[in-house]
């Protein structure tokens, strides 16, 4: 393929619309989504009726501020009281292509539309091209990630090898045997695979022909991006999305931010007041998508970022998100998976011998590490730490170590999750 081809070209003309035209396009689909969600009796209708609003009152992006923000916890609570989709589904269930389940638990419906999750444009922008042979290392069971990106690659004319997570040696053998050119997964897993390939005596560019990587679910430090290119000849770019709404934004070859998808309206709001923040000021990412199957209007992602309207040399004119700066709450991602304070709390409930705890997330090298610091109420039986580590695996689904600290070390009200990772 060659790096030039991966650094040039724009897939969709909507990406180059002048901002005024893009805004008109988005307000047209916003009106359609609002009318459809209201007519379908989704929870949005109840919210609007309480406020005395009609669909014709929501005609501009600014009008969205009249509506409440829906967060993941709201979806979870709605689905528990009104299963399976909390009333948010605006098409008969039989019309769906698939149903996934993401942590919460939350059921994620998938409509029959082509490129339902909108990743095709993003994957082209980060460097994938027709004819690429791509390993997709995101999970295919329950959560939608594996299927999301597969649909985008196939839509571009690429071929997918659904390897899923783990089995680094097998991943390397597949790459060598098939001549794989593209990778989809987390930065840390790509680095683990590349290190394994070196241990197996394989050389980048000769035995391993990877050229492009789409990296998500973890931060991509610039130092790691540079290492992928300089040591392995791999163009590594990232994008941002969620299991609830799909693709939100994506990098281009300039890597100066992430272009917001033209079918997504993004607001940056103050997490406390709900007021829209000015350009360059961090706030919560709130999205409204061009999706009438599952019309989530003003979905609060819980992620912090800021928006830029600066012109990008790549030719795309859509606004850009800066990097994701963290979470509004203490929820964090570890090895590409969300870890919730409630999961840590469940570990403590199993072990009443623990008086206080704090889950510390660090990244000393290329891998995330979790350690649960605990204060004890008194003496415990031998093997207690091992039991707690097993409980962590049971409830958080990730490996974590346990460290017993002196009483009083964690303070009066410790943060349940403390993210100490640095992304320089």
Protein backbone atom coordinates (compact mmCIF):
# COMPACT_ATOMS: atom_id res chain seq x y z
CA UNK A 1 0.00 0.00 0.00
CA UNK A 2 2.68 2.49 1.02
CA UNK A 3 2.52 5.35 3.52
CA UNK A 4 1.61 8.02 0.92
CA UNK A 5 -1.69 6.32 0.13
CA UNK A 6 -2.47 6.06 3.84
CA UNK A 7 -1.80 9.77 4.38
CA UNK A 8 -3.92 11.18 1.57
CA UNK A 9 -7.48 11.16 0.34
CA UNK A 10 -10.85 11.90 1.95
CA UNK A 11 -13.60 9.29 1.79
CA UNK A 12 -16.76 11.34 2.21
CA UNK A 13 -17.60 14.80 0.85
CA UNK A 14 -19.49 15.61 4.07
CA UNK A 15 -16.09 15.85 5.78
CA UNK A 16 -15.18 18.86 3.63
CA UNK A 17 -18.45 20.81 3.94
CA UNK A 18 -17.92 24.41 5.07
CA UNK A 19 -19.04 24.72 8.67
CA UNK A 20 -22.22 26.65 7.82
CA UNK A 21 -23.31 23.90 5.42
CA UNK A 22 -22.35 21.17 7.89
CA UNK A 23 -24.46 22.89 10.55
CA UNK A 24 -27.47 22.99 8.21
CA UNK A 25 -27.00 19.31 7.40
CA UNK A 26 -26.81 18.42 11.10
CA UNK A 27 -29.83 20.51 12.03
CA UNK A 28 -31.84 18.78 9.31
CA UNK A 29 -31.12 15.34 10.70
CA UNK A 30 -31.55 16.64 14.27
CA UNK A 31 -35.12 17.64 13.45
CA UNK A 32 -35.80 14.20 11.95
CA UNK A 33 -34.34 12.38 14.96
CA UNK A 34 -36.29 14.51 17.45
CA UNK A 35 -39.58 14.02 15.58
CA UNK A 36 -39.05 10.27 15.28
CA UNK A 37 -38.03 9.83 18.94
CA UNK A 38 -41.05 11.88 20.07
CA UNK A 39 -43.52 10.03 17.83
CA UNK A 40 -42.11 6.67 18.99
CA UNK A 41 -42.80 7.52 22.63
CA UNK A 42 -39.20 7.26 23.84
CA UNK A 43 -38.29 8.80 27.24
CA UNK A 44 -37.46 11.98 25.31
CA UNK A 45 -41.20 12.52 24.73
CA UNK A 46 -41.93 12.45 28.45
CA UNK A 47 -39.10 14.92 29.15
CA UNK A 48 -40.34 17.28 26.44
CA UNK A 49 -43.96 17.04 27.57
CA UNK A 50 -42.97 17.91 31.14
CA UNK A 51 -41.11 20.99 29.82
CA UNK A 52 -43.93 21.95 27.49
CA UNK A 53 -41.80 21.38 24.40
CA UNK A 54 -42.85 20.11 20.99
CA UNK A 55 -40.53 18.70 18.29
CA UNK A 56 -40.81 21.95 16.30
CA UNK A 57 -39.20 23.74 19.28
CA UNK A 58 -35.90 21.90 18.66
CA UNK A 59 -34.58 23.19 15.34
CA UNK A 60 -30.98 24.21 16.10
CA UNK A 61 -27.98 22.84 17.96
CA UNK A 62 -28.47 25.58 20.56
CA UNK A 63 -32.02 24.32 21.19
CA UNK A 64 -30.57 21.05 22.48
CA UNK A 65 -29.80 22.80 25.77
CA UNK A 66 -33.55 22.76 26.46
CA UNK A 67 -33.38 18.97 26.77
CA UNK A 68 -31.93 16.84 29.59
CA UNK A 69 -28.67 14.91 29.29
CA UNK A 70 -28.98 11.12 29.40
CA UNK A 71 -26.08 9.28 31.02
CA UNK A 72 -25.14 5.61 30.99
CA UNK A 73 -26.56 5.15 34.49
CA UNK A 74 -29.88 6.52 33.20
CA UNK A 75 -29.86 3.92 30.44
CA UNK A 76 -29.08 1.16 32.92
CA UNK A 77 -31.86 2.23 35.29
CA UNK A 78 -34.37 2.63 32.43
CA UNK A 79 -33.55 -0.81 31.06
CA UNK A 80 -34.02 -2.38 34.49
CA UNK A 81 -37.44 -0.80 34.95
CA UNK A 82 -38.55 -1.17 31.33
CA UNK A 83 -36.60 -4.03 29.71
CA UNK A 84 -34.95 -4.60 27.40
CA UNK A 85 -34.15 -1.10 26.05
CA UNK A 86 -35.74 1.24 28.56
CA UNK A 87 -38.14 2.61 25.94
CA UNK A 88 -35.31 4.19 23.91
CA UNK A 89 -35.65 1.79 20.96
CA UNK A 90 -37.64 3.48 18.19
CA UNK A 91 -38.12 0.52 15.85
CA UNK A 92 -39.62 -2.96 16.35
CA UNK A 93 -37.13 -5.30 18.02
CA UNK A 94 -37.55 -7.74 15.13
CA UNK A 95 -35.99 -5.14 12.78
CA UNK A 96 -32.65 -5.27 14.57
CA UNK A 97 -29.57 -6.98 13.17
CA UNK A 98 -27.93 -7.81 16.53
CA UNK A 99 -28.21 -7.11 20.24
CA UNK A 100 -25.09 -6.69 22.37
CA UNK A 101 -24.56 -6.27 26.08
CA UNK A 102 -21.97 -3.91 27.52
CA UNK A 103 -20.97 -3.37 31.18
CA UNK A 104 -23.75 -1.95 33.30
CA UNK A 105 -25.26 -4.20 32.15
CA UNK A 106 -26.74 -2.31 29.20
CA UNK A 107 -28.26 -3.84 26.07
CA UNK A 108 -27.02 -2.20 22.86
CA UNK A 109 -29.29 -2.60 19.81
CA UNK A 110 -27.81 -2.69 16.31
CA UNK A 111 -30.01 -1.60 13.42
CA UNK A 112 -29.89 -3.08 9.91
CA UNK A 113 -28.42 0.08 8.32
CA UNK A 114 -25.10 -0.12 6.46
CA UNK A 115 -22.23 1.17 8.61
CA UNK A 116 -24.61 1.48 11.57
CA UNK A 117 -21.80 2.51 13.94
CA UNK A 118 -20.24 5.02 11.42
CA UNK A 119 -16.69 3.60 11.60
CA UNK A 120 -16.09 3.33 7.84
CA UNK A 121 -15.16 7.00 7.39
CA UNK A 122 -13.04 6.96 10.54
CA UNK A 123 -11.08 3.86 9.52
CA UNK A 124 -10.30 5.38 6.12
CA UNK A 125 -9.12 8.59 7.79
CA UNK A 126 -6.72 6.74 10.09
CA UNK A 127 -5.18 4.95 7.11
CA UNK A 128 -7.00 1.74 6.12
CA UNK A 129 -7.57 1.13 2.42
CA UNK A 130 -9.39 -1.37 0.19
CA UNK A 131 -7.48 -4.65 0.05
CA UNK A 132 -6.02 -4.40 3.56
CA UNK A 133 -5.92 -7.66 5.52
CA UNK A 134 -6.73 -6.67 9.10
CA UNK A 135 -6.56 -8.46 12.45
CA UNK A 136 -9.32 -7.24 14.73
CA UNK A 137 -8.30 -7.93 18.33
CA UNK A 138 -11.37 -6.48 20.04
CA UNK A 139 -13.80 -8.94 21.61
CA UNK A 140 -16.68 -10.34 19.57
CA UNK A 141 -18.77 -11.79 22.40
CA UNK A 142 -21.44 -9.69 24.14
CA UNK A 143 -19.80 -6.25 23.72
CA UNK A 144 -20.15 -4.60 20.29
CA UNK A 145 -16.52 -3.51 19.71
CA UNK A 146 -15.40 -6.40 17.51
CA UNK A 147 -18.41 -6.16 15.22
CA UNK A 148 -18.27 -2.35 15.08
CA UNK A 149 -14.85 -2.23 13.51
CA UNK A 150 -15.34 -5.32 11.35
CA UNK A 151 -18.31 -3.69 9.64
CA UNK A 152 -16.22 -0.61 8.88
CA UNK A 153 -13.29 -2.56 7.41
CA UNK A 154 -15.54 -4.74 5.25
CA UNK A 155 -17.36 -1.61 4.10
CA UNK A 156 -14.01 -0.23 2.92
CA UNK A 157 -13.23 -3.38 0.95
CA UNK A 158 -10.81 -4.90 3.44
CA UNK A 159 -10.60 -8.43 4.81
CA UNK A 160 -10.94 -9.10 8.55
CA UNK A 161 -9.31 -11.80 10.65
CA UNK A 162 -11.38 -11.85 13.89
CA UNK A 163 -8.63 -12.82 16.31
CA UNK A 164 -10.10 -11.25 19.45
CA UNK A 165 -8.00 -10.66 22.55
CA UNK A 166 -5.06 -12.66 23.94
CA UNK A 167 -2.90 -15.42 22.41
CA UNK A 168 -0.03 -13.18 21.31
CA UNK A 169 1.97 -16.01 19.77
CA UNK A 170 -1.02 -17.10 17.66
CA UNK A 171 -1.59 -13.47 16.62
CA UNK A 172 2.02 -13.24 15.42
CA UNK A 173 1.77 -16.50 13.46
CA UNK A 174 -1.41 -15.28 11.76
CA UNK A 175 0.23 -11.98 10.82
CA UNK A 176 3.27 -13.71 9.35
CA UNK A 177 1.39 -16.46 7.51
CA UNK A 178 -1.30 -14.23 5.98
CA UNK A 179 0.79 -11.12 5.42
CA UNK A 180 -1.50 -8.97 7.56
CA UNK A 181 -1.22 -5.22 6.83
CA UNK A 182 -3.57 -3.73 9.44
CA UNK A 183 -4.21 -3.98 13.18
CA UNK A 184 -7.21 -2.96 15.28
CA UNK A 185 -6.92 -3.01 19.06
CA UNK A 186 -5.35 -1.30 22.05
CA UNK A 187 -1.88 0.31 21.97
CA UNK A 188 -0.60 -1.94 24.76
CA UNK A 189 -1.73 -5.13 23.01
CA UNK A 190 -0.12 -4.09 19.72
CA UNK A 191 3.14 -3.46 21.58
CA UNK A 192 2.87 -6.86 23.27
CA UNK A 193 2.39 -8.56 19.90
CA UNK A 194 5.35 -6.74 18.37
CA UNK A 195 7.58 -7.68 21.29
CA UNK A 196 6.45 -11.31 20.98
CA UNK A 197 7.23 -11.26 17.26
CA UNK A 198 10.78 -10.12 18.07
CA UNK A 199 11.15 -12.95 20.62
CA UNK A 200 10.07 -15.37 17.88
CA UNK A 201 12.82 -14.03 15.60
CA UNK A 202 10.56 -12.18 13.16
CA UNK A 203 11.56 -8.86 11.63
CA UNK A 204 9.19 -5.92 11.05
CA UNK A 205 8.65 -5.13 7.37
CA UNK A 206 10.00 -8.52 6.30
CA UNK A 207 8.25 -11.22 8.30
CA UNK A 208 5.63 -8.94 9.86
CA UNK A 209 4.17 -6.63 7.24
CA UNK A 210 1.95 -4.43 9.41
CA UNK A 211 1.60 -0.93 7.96
CA UNK A 212 -1.34 0.68 9.77
CA UNK A 213 -2.93 0.42 13.20
CA UNK A 214 -6.20 1.80 14.52
CA UNK A 215 -5.82 2.10 18.28
CA UNK A 216 -8.64 2.69 20.74
CA UNK A 217 -9.89 2.08 24.30
CA UNK A 218 -6.59 3.33 25.80
CA UNK A 219 -4.56 6.52 25.61
CA UNK A 220 -1.92 6.60 22.86
CA UNK A 221 1.10 8.54 24.15
CA UNK A 222 3.01 10.38 21.42
CA UNK A 223 6.17 8.57 22.50
CA UNK A 224 4.50 5.23 21.74
CA UNK A 225 3.09 6.47 18.43
CA UNK A 226 6.61 7.53 17.40
CA UNK A 227 8.02 4.17 18.45
CA UNK A 228 5.47 2.29 16.34
CA UNK A 229 6.52 4.30 13.29
CA UNK A 230 10.28 4.49 13.85
CA UNK A 231 10.92 0.92 15.04
CA UNK A 232 8.20 -0.99 13.23
CA UNK A 233 7.14 1.18 10.27
CA UNK A 234 3.52 1.26 11.47
CA UNK A 235 1.28 4.31 11.02
CA UNK A 236 -0.65 4.42 14.31
CA UNK A 237 -3.71 6.62 14.76
CA UNK A 238 -6.63 6.71 17.12
CA UNK A 239 -10.33 7.48 17.26
CA UNK A 240 -12.99 7.90 19.91
CA UNK A 241 -16.39 6.33 20.37
CA UNK A 242 -18.59 4.45 22.80
CA UNK A 243 -20.59 1.22 22.83
CA UNK A 244 -23.78 3.27 23.09
CA UNK A 245 -23.35 5.63 20.13
CA UNK A 246 -20.50 4.23 18.02
CA UNK A 247 -17.95 6.50 16.34
CA UNK A 248 -17.73 10.08 17.60
CA UNK A 249 -14.40 11.39 16.26
CA UNK A 250 -11.21 10.25 14.58
CA UNK A 251 -7.68 11.36 13.70
CA UNK A 252 -6.43 12.28 10.27
CA UNK A 253 -2.78 12.17 9.09
CA UNK A 254 -2.12 15.54 10.79
CA UNK A 255 -2.89 14.00 14.24
CA UNK A 256 -3.65 17.42 15.73
CA UNK A 257 -7.00 16.34 17.15
CA UNK A 258 -9.91 14.09 16.27
CA UNK A 259 -12.39 15.21 13.61
CA UNK A 260 -15.99 14.92 14.81
CA UNK A 261 -18.01 12.64 12.52
CA UNK A 262 -20.42 14.65 10.36
CA UNK A 263 -23.35 12.50 11.56
CA UNK A 264 -22.63 13.37 15.21
CA UNK A 265 -23.48 16.62 17.00
CA UNK A 266 -21.09 17.19 19.90
CA UNK A 267 -21.62 19.58 22.78
CA UNK A 268 -18.97 20.25 25.41
CA UNK A 269 -20.78 21.02 28.64
CA UNK A 270 -19.93 21.88 32.21
CA UNK A 271 -20.56 18.63 34.15
CA UNK A 272 -22.09 20.57 37.06
CA UNK A 273 -24.16 23.31 35.42
CA UNK A 274 -24.84 21.68 32.04
CA UNK A 275 -23.89 24.93 30.29
CA UNK A 276 -22.07 24.77 26.95
CA UNK A 277 -18.35 25.47 27.27
CA UNK A 278 -16.49 27.78 24.86
CA UNK A 279 -13.94 26.54 22.33
CA UNK A 280 -10.82 25.14 23.99
CA UNK A 281 -12.40 24.81 27.45
CA UNK A 282 -12.70 21.24 28.78
CA UNK A 283 -16.07 19.75 29.63
CA UNK A 284 -18.12 16.59 29.26
CA UNK A 285 -18.59 15.21 25.75
CA UNK A 286 -22.35 15.10 25.04
CA UNK A 287 -23.43 13.60 21.70
CA UNK A 288 -26.54 13.41 19.53
CA UNK A 289 -26.26 11.06 16.55
CA UNK A 290 -28.05 10.71 13.23
CA UNK A 291 -29.71 7.49 14.39
CA UNK A 292 -33.46 6.92 14.27
CA UNK A 293 -33.26 3.24 15.32
CA UNK A 294 -31.91 4.07 18.78
CA UNK A 295 -32.17 7.87 19.07
CA UNK A 296 -30.05 8.83 22.04
CA UNK A 297 -30.44 12.61 22.20
CA UNK A 298 -27.84 14.41 24.33
CA UNK A 299 -26.06 11.28 25.51
CA UNK A 300 -23.50 12.21 28.17
CA UNK A 301 -20.43 10.05 27.61
CA UNK A 302 -18.81 10.89 30.95
CA UNK A 303 -15.57 11.68 29.09
CA UNK A 304 -13.81 15.04 29.30
CA UNK A 305 -12.48 16.85 26.23
CA UNK A 306 -12.59 20.22 24.47
CA UNK A 307 -13.49 21.25 20.93
CA UNK A 308 -11.49 23.16 18.32
CA UNK A 309 -12.80 24.85 15.17
CA UNK A 310 -9.33 25.47 13.73
CA UNK A 311 -8.77 24.69 10.04
CA UNK A 312 -6.96 21.40 9.52
CA UNK A 313 -4.38 21.11 6.70
CA UNK A 314 -5.83 17.70 5.76
CA UNK A 315 -8.83 19.41 4.11
CA UNK A 316 -11.48 18.12 6.49
CA UNK A 317 -13.55 20.97 7.87
CA UNK A 318 -15.42 19.24 10.68
CA UNK A 319 -14.60 20.51 14.20
CA UNK A 320 -12.12 18.49 16.24
CA UNK A 321 -12.04 17.06 19.72
CA UNK A 322 -8.75 17.38 21.53
CA UNK A 323 -7.50 14.33 23.38
CA UNK A 324 -9.75 12.64 25.93
CA UNK A 325 -8.65 14.13 29.25
CA UNK A 326 -10.27 11.72 31.69
CA UNK A 327 -13.65 10.96 33.20
CA UNK A 328 -16.24 13.14 34.88
CA UNK A 329 -16.67 10.48 37.56
CA UNK A 330 -14.17 7.92 38.86
CA UNK A 331 -14.94 5.38 36.14
CA UNK A 332 -11.74 4.61 34.24
CA UNK A 333 -10.53 2.33 31.49
CA UNK A 334 -7.96 -0.36 32.26
CA UNK A 335 -6.68 -2.49 29.40
CA UNK A 336 -9.55 -1.20 27.29
CA UNK A 337 -12.28 -2.15 29.80
CA UNK A 338 -14.32 0.19 31.99
CA UNK A 339 -13.80 -0.26 35.72
CA UNK A 340 -16.57 1.20 37.87
CA UNK A 341 -16.36 2.18 41.56
CA UNK A 342 -19.37 -0.11 42.12
CA UNK A 343 -17.26 -3.10 41.00
CA UNK A 344 -14.61 -2.23 43.58
CA UNK A 345 -17.35 -1.86 46.18
CA UNK A 346 -18.56 -5.39 45.43
CA UNK A 347 -15.07 -6.71 46.17
CA UNK A 348 -15.20 -5.03 49.58
CA UNK A 349 -18.67 -6.45 50.29
CA UNK A 350 -17.31 -9.98 49.78
CA UNK A 351 -14.51 -9.29 52.27
CA UNK A 352 -15.85 -7.43 55.34
CA UNK A 353 -12.38 -7.73 56.91
CA UNK A 354 -11.42 -4.70 54.76
CA UNK A 355 -12.14 -1.33 56.35
CA UNK A 356 -11.02 0.95 53.47
CA UNK A 357 -9.69 0.45 49.96
CA UNK A 358 -8.39 2.32 46.94
CA UNK A 359 -7.83 0.85 43.48
CA UNK A 360 -4.67 2.38 42.00
CA UNK A 361 -4.08 2.21 38.25
CA UNK A 362 -0.52 2.75 37.01
CA UNK A 363 1.38 2.23 33.77
CA UNK A 364 5.09 1.74 34.45
CA UNK A 365 5.75 0.52 30.89
CA UNK A 366 3.41 -0.38 28.06
CA UNK A 367 0.88 -2.23 30.22
CA UNK A 368 -1.77 -1.03 32.67
CA UNK A 369 -1.41 -2.39 36.20
CA UNK A 370 -4.05 -2.44 38.94
CA UNK A 371 -3.33 -2.61 42.66
CA UNK A 372 -5.97 -2.61 45.38
CA UNK A 373 -4.60 -0.92 48.48
CA UNK A 374 -6.51 -2.11 51.54
CA UNK A 375 -6.69 -1.28 55.24
CA UNK A 376 -7.78 -4.14 57.48
CA UNK A 377 -10.04 -4.11 60.54
CA UNK A 378 -7.80 -6.65 62.28
CA UNK A 379 -5.84 -9.83 61.75
CA UNK A 380 -6.80 -12.06 58.82
CA UNK A 381 -6.21 -15.70 57.96
CA UNK A 382 -3.32 -16.84 55.81
CA UNK A 383 -4.08 -16.64 52.11
CA UNK A 384 -6.45 -13.68 52.54
CA UNK A 385 -4.66 -11.53 49.95
CA UNK A 386 -4.87 -14.32 47.37
CA UNK A 387 -8.61 -14.62 47.99
CA UNK A 388 -9.10 -10.89 47.47
CA UNK A 389 -7.11 -11.03 44.22
CA UNK A 390 -9.42 -13.79 42.99
CA UNK A 391 -12.46 -11.68 43.90
CA UNK A 392 -11.01 -8.82 41.86
CA UNK A 393 -10.84 -11.13 38.85
CA UNK A 394 -14.40 -12.30 39.51
CA UNK A 395 -15.99 -8.84 39.69
CA UNK A 396 -13.70 -6.60 37.63
CA UNK A 397 -12.73 -9.25 35.05
CA UNK A 398 -9.11 -8.09 35.14
CA UNK A 399 -6.07 -9.21 37.08
CA UNK A 400 -5.09 -7.00 40.00
CA UNK A 401 -2.68 -7.28 42.90
CA UNK A 402 -3.49 -6.47 46.54
CA UNK A 403 -1.34 -4.47 48.95
CA UNK A 404 -2.15 -4.25 52.67
CA UNK A 405 -1.31 -0.76 54.01
CA UNK A 406 -1.15 0.61 57.53
CA UNK A 407 -4.42 1.81 59.10
CA UNK A 408 -4.95 5.49 58.35
CA UNK A 409 -2.77 5.42 55.21
CA UNK A 410 -5.73 5.94 52.85
CA UNK A 411 -7.18 8.95 54.63
CA UNK A 412 -10.72 9.53 55.90
CA UNK A 413 -12.50 9.21 52.53
CA UNK A 414 -10.17 7.74 49.90
CA UNK A 415 -11.00 7.89 46.20
CA UNK A 416 -12.25 4.47 45.23
CA UNK A 417 -10.27 4.57 41.95
CA UNK A 418 -7.10 6.62 41.52
CA UNK A 419 -5.60 6.79 38.04
CA UNK A 420 -1.89 7.58 38.28
CA UNK A 421 -1.02 6.91 34.64
CA UNK A 422 0.98 9.54 32.75
CA UNK A 423 0.44 9.95 29.00
CA UNK A 424 3.38 12.14 27.99
